[in-house]
Amino acid sequence: MKKVLLLMFVGLLAMSVKAQDKTAKIEFKSETIDYGDIAKGSDGVRVFKFTNTGDAPLVISNVRSSCGCTIPKKPDAPILPGDEGEIQVKYDTKRVGPIRKAITVTSNADTPTKVLKIKGNVKAEGAK
């Protein structure tokens, strides 16, 4: 009886270790968005697209920007293996000048922290 219990315990332990081998992986189509030259007050919304290339659901727990002029929005639901998702970023284009900002993404992926970048230049009205 002891041997049977021990065998069952070892079997359950092995199954739980195997289940923990599954990980989510986040793969972005691009880790940098270049706004280029854009006019003051124009649409500042851009999207980072990604795929969960792992074998476990991907949960993005936090997305934050390096400043208040950039507002990122994360997906609410987990991204299943093989599925795509997106992180929306809105830059305040009322600020004239160069854009150089970082967006930090925190998730349960094998690489838990990714830094995405936006760049470009907001031109004053009438500037060329």
Foldseek 3Di string as FASTA:
>chain_A
DVVVVVVVVVVVVVVVVVVVVWFWAKDWPALEAEPAEAEQPDWQKDKIKIAGQTQAWKDWDDKDKPDPQKDKDADPDTAHHGGMDIIMIGGNSNDFFKAWMWMWIAIRGPPRIDIGIYIYGYHYPPDD
